[in-house]
């Protein structure tokens, strides 16, 4: 079964930037519409950005519009999330999965902490 692997998280000051990366160890990301999800402790995981395959149409949750950009590189089997002007509310675990997530596909995520 496919599993996604996320990387690129870290500690950043408010206003800073990070680029997250996502790949799958066993499937091609271009087979699916891929989304980035964010989970804050004690809350449900929410979809923050999505990119369709093969046309590359993108959608974002209102709270990240204009700050986050999702992109794919199918040749590298990668999906990225560029995050700019980060705020403390962006703190959380970030995960990728299909736009209709498959429970067995969740990886361990990558932690983003925005703090001064």
C-alpha atoms as a PDB file:
ATOM      1  CA  UNK A   1       0.000   0.000   0.000  1.00  0.00           C
ATOM      2  CA  UNK A   2       1.132   3.506  -0.764  1.00  0.00           C
ATOM      3  CA  UNK A   3       2.612   5.572   1.958  1.00  0.00           C
ATOM      4  CA  UNK A   4       3.591   9.187   1.730  1.00  0.00           C
ATOM      5  CA  UNK A   5       6.775  10.605   3.163  1.00  0.00           C
ATOM      6  CA  UNK A   6       6.905  14.249   4.199  1.00  0.00           C
ATOM      7  CA  UNK A   7       9.917  16.423   4.980  1.00  0.00           C
ATOM      8  CA  UNK A   8      11.026  20.019   5.301  1.00  0.00           C
ATOM      9  CA  UNK A   9       9.408  21.079   8.535  1.00  0.00           C
ATOM     10  CA  UNK A  10      11.154  22.911  11.322  1.00  0.00           C
ATOM     11  CA  UNK A  11      11.161  25.854  13.670  1.00  0.00           C
ATOM     12  CA  UNK A  12      10.723  29.239  12.051  1.00  0.00           C
ATOM     13  CA  UNK A  13      10.020  32.746  13.283  1.00  0.00           C
ATOM     14  CA  UNK A  14       6.774  34.515  12.397  1.00  0.00           C
ATOM     15  CA  UNK A  15       7.020  35.910   8.893  1.00  0.00           C
ATOM     16  CA  UNK A  16       9.449  33.216   7.836  1.00  0.00           C
ATOM     17  CA  UNK A  17       9.185  30.603   5.106  1.00  0.00           C
ATOM     18  CA  UNK A  18       9.493  26.854   4.716  1.00  0.00           C
ATOM     19  CA  UNK A  19       9.167  24.457   1.812  1.00  0.00           C
ATOM     20  CA  UNK A  20       7.676  21.073   2.548  1.00  0.00           C
ATOM     21  CA  UNK A  21       8.208  18.070   0.322  1.00  0.00           C
ATOM     22  CA  UNK A  22       6.105  14.969  -0.152  1.00  0.00           C
ATOM     23  CA  UNK A  23       6.766  11.771  -2.035  1.00  0.00           C
ATOM     24  CA  UNK A  24       5.477   8.240  -2.069  1.00  0.00           C
ATOM     25  CA  UNK A  25       7.662   5.216  -1.632  1.00  0.00           C
ATOM     26  CA  UNK A  26       5.458   2.887  -3.616  1.00  0.00           C
ATOM     27  CA  UNK A  27       3.341   4.832  -6.106  1.00  0.00           C
ATOM     28  CA  UNK A  28       3.450   7.757  -8.495  1.00  0.00           C
ATOM     29  CA  UNK A  29       1.959  10.966  -7.131  1.00  0.00           C
ATOM     30  CA  UNK A  30       0.681  11.843 -10.598  1.00  0.00           C
ATOM     31  CA  UNK A  31      -1.856   9.022 -10.311  1.00  0.00           C
ATOM     32  CA  UNK A  32      -3.854  11.055  -7.790  1.00  0.00           C
ATOM     33  CA  UNK A  33      -4.976  14.513  -6.815  1.00  0.00           C
ATOM     34  CA  UNK A  34      -2.691  15.248  -3.892  1.00  0.00           C
ATOM     35  CA  UNK A  35      -3.393  17.442  -0.887  1.00  0.00           C
ATOM     36  CA  UNK A  36      -1.473  18.808   2.038  1.00  0.00           C
ATOM     37  CA  UNK A  37      -3.190  18.536   5.400  1.00  0.00           C
ATOM     38  CA  UNK A  38      -2.447  20.231   8.702  1.00  0.00           C
ATOM     39  CA  UNK A  39      -3.201  18.913  12.147  1.00  0.00           C
ATOM     40  CA  UNK A  40      -3.021  21.013  15.263  1.00  0.00           C
ATOM     41  CA  UNK A  41      -2.880  19.198  18.571  1.00  0.00           C
ATOM     42  CA  UNK A  42      -6.359  18.304  19.742  1.00  0.00           C
ATOM     43  CA  UNK A  43      -8.019  19.199  16.461  1.00  0.00           C
ATOM     44  CA  UNK A  44      -9.008  17.334  13.327  1.00  0.00           C
ATOM     45  CA  UNK A  45      -6.715  17.244  10.365  1.00  0.00           C
ATOM     46  CA  UNK A  46      -7.713  19.869   7.794  1.00  0.00           C
ATOM     47  CA  UNK A  47      -6.950  20.117   4.115  1.00  0.00           C
ATOM     48  CA  UNK A  48      -4.953  23.274   3.418  1.00  0.00           C
ATOM     49  CA  UNK A  49      -3.947  22.872  -0.231  1.00  0.00           C
ATOM     50  CA  UNK A  50      -4.697  20.556  -3.131  1.00  0.00           C
ATOM     51  CA  UNK A  51      -3.340  20.022  -6.634  1.00  0.00           C
ATOM     52  CA  UNK A  52      -5.100  18.011  -9.309  1.00  0.00           C
ATOM     53  CA  UNK A  53      -3.517  15.576 -11.707  1.00  0.00           C
ATOM     54  CA  UNK A  54      -2.827  15.928 -14.546  1.00  0.00           C
ATOM     55  CA  UNK A  55      -3.943  19.534 -14.996  1.00  0.00           C
ATOM     56  CA  UNK A  56      -2.327  20.985 -11.915  1.00  0.00           C
ATOM     57  CA  UNK A  57      -5.306  23.002 -10.708  1.00  0.00           C
ATOM     58  CA  UNK A  58      -4.790  24.236  -7.179  1.00  0.00           C
ATOM     59  CA  UNK A  59      -7.108  25.128  -4.325  1.00  0.00           C
ATOM     60  CA  UNK A  60      -6.398  26.473  -0.861  1.00  0.00           C
ATOM     61  CA  UNK A  61      -8.169  26.943   2.415  1.00  0.00           C
ATOM     62  CA  UNK A  62      -8.886  30.627   2.991  1.00  0.00           C
ATOM     63  CA  UNK A  63      -6.413  30.945   5.852  1.00  0.00           C
ATOM     64  CA  UNK A  64      -3.423  30.170   3.620  1.00  0.00           C
ATOM     65  CA  UNK A  65      -4.457  31.796   0.340  1.00  0.00           C
ATOM     66  CA  UNK A  66      -1.785  34.138  -0.944  1.00  0.00           C
ATOM     67  CA  UNK A  67       0.834  32.657   1.413  1.00  0.00           C
ATOM     68  CA  UNK A  68       1.063  28.964   0.506  1.00  0.00           C
ATOM     69  CA  UNK A  69       1.731  27.480  -2.909  1.00  0.00           C
ATOM     70  CA  UNK A  70       1.349  23.804  -3.783  1.00  0.00           C
ATOM     71  CA  UNK A  71       3.257  22.436  -6.751  1.00  0.00           C
ATOM     72  CA  UNK A  72       4.142  19.086  -8.222  1.00  0.00           C
ATOM     73  CA  UNK A  73       7.147  17.677 -10.033  1.00  0.00           C
ATOM     74  CA  UNK A  74       6.055  14.384 -11.481  1.00  0.00           C
ATOM     75  CA  UNK A  75       9.490  13.641 -12.920  1.00  0.00           C
ATOM     76  CA  UNK A  76      10.786  13.586  -9.340  1.00  0.00           C
ATOM     77  CA  UNK A  77       7.590  12.072  -7.926  1.00  0.00           C
ATOM     78  CA  UNK A  78       7.312  15.021  -5.559  1.00  0.00           C
ATOM     79  CA  UNK A  79       4.657  17.435  -4.343  1.00  0.00           C
ATOM     80  CA  UNK A  80       5.758  20.596  -2.568  1.00  0.00           C
ATOM     81  CA  UNK A  81       4.178  23.152  -0.289  1.00  0.00           C
ATOM     82  CA  UNK A  82       5.887  26.530  -0.254  1.00  0.00           C
ATOM     83  CA  UNK A  83       4.820  28.399   2.856  1.00  0.00           C
ATOM     84  CA  UNK A  84       5.544  32.103   3.167  1.00  0.00           C
ATOM     85  CA  UNK A  85       4.735  34.697   5.803  1.00  0.00           C
ATOM     86  CA  UNK A  86       4.166  32.002   8.365  1.00  0.00           C
ATOM     87  CA  UNK A  87       2.205  32.801  11.496  1.00  0.00           C
ATOM     88  CA  UNK A  88       1.823  31.044  14.820  1.00  0.00           C
ATOM     89  CA  UNK A  89      -1.529  29.643  13.651  1.00  0.00           C
ATOM     90  CA  UNK A  90       0.344  27.676  10.978  1.00  0.00           C
ATOM     91  CA  UNK A  91       2.010  25.579  13.651  1.00  0.00           C
ATOM     92  CA  UNK A  92       1.134  21.919  13.362  1.00  0.00           C
ATOM     93  CA  UNK A  93       1.898  18.597  11.764  1.00  0.00           C
ATOM     94  CA  UNK A  94       1.761  18.634   7.979  1.00  0.00           C
ATOM     95  CA  UNK A  95       0.830  15.556   5.993  1.00  0.00           C
ATOM     96  CA  UNK A  96       0.152  14.698   2.379  1.00  0.00           C
ATOM     97  CA  UNK A  97      -2.338  12.203   1.017  1.00  0.00           C
ATOM     98  CA  UNK A  98      -4.844  11.894  -1.775  1.00  0.00           C
ATOM     99  CA  UNK A  99      -7.528  14.580  -1.862  1.00  0.00           C
ATOM    100  CA  UNK A 100      -9.898  11.914  -0.587  1.00  0.00           C
ATOM    101  CA  UNK A 101      -7.456  10.559   1.963  1.00  0.00           C
ATOM    102  CA  UNK A 102      -6.775   6.885   2.327  1.00  0.00           C
ATOM    103  CA  UNK A 103      -6.305   6.012   5.958  1.00  0.00           C
ATOM    104  CA  UNK A 104      -3.526   3.506   5.341  1.00  0.00           C
ATOM    105  CA  UNK A 105      -1.556   6.035   3.276  1.00  0.00           C
ATOM    106  CA  UNK A 106      -0.848   8.529   6.063  1.00  0.00           C
ATOM    107  CA  UNK A 107       2.831   9.034   6.758  1.00  0.00           C
ATOM    108  CA  UNK A 108       4.331  10.389   9.944  1.00  0.00           C
ATOM    109  CA  UNK A 109       4.147  13.977   8.695  1.00  0.00           C
ATOM    110  CA  UNK A 110       6.552  16.825   9.246  1.00  0.00           C
ATOM    111  CA  UNK A 111       6.253  19.267  12.139  1.00  0.00           C
ATOM    112  CA  UNK A 112       6.120  23.005  11.533  1.00  0.00           C
ATOM    113  CA  UNK A 113       6.551  25.253  14.541  1.00  0.00           C
ATOM    114  CA  UNK A 114       6.201  29.006  14.158  1.00  0.00           C
ATOM    115  CA  UNK A 115       7.466  30.806  17.195  1.00  0.00           C
ATOM    116  CA  UNK A 116       9.549  33.809  18.147  1.00  0.00           C
END
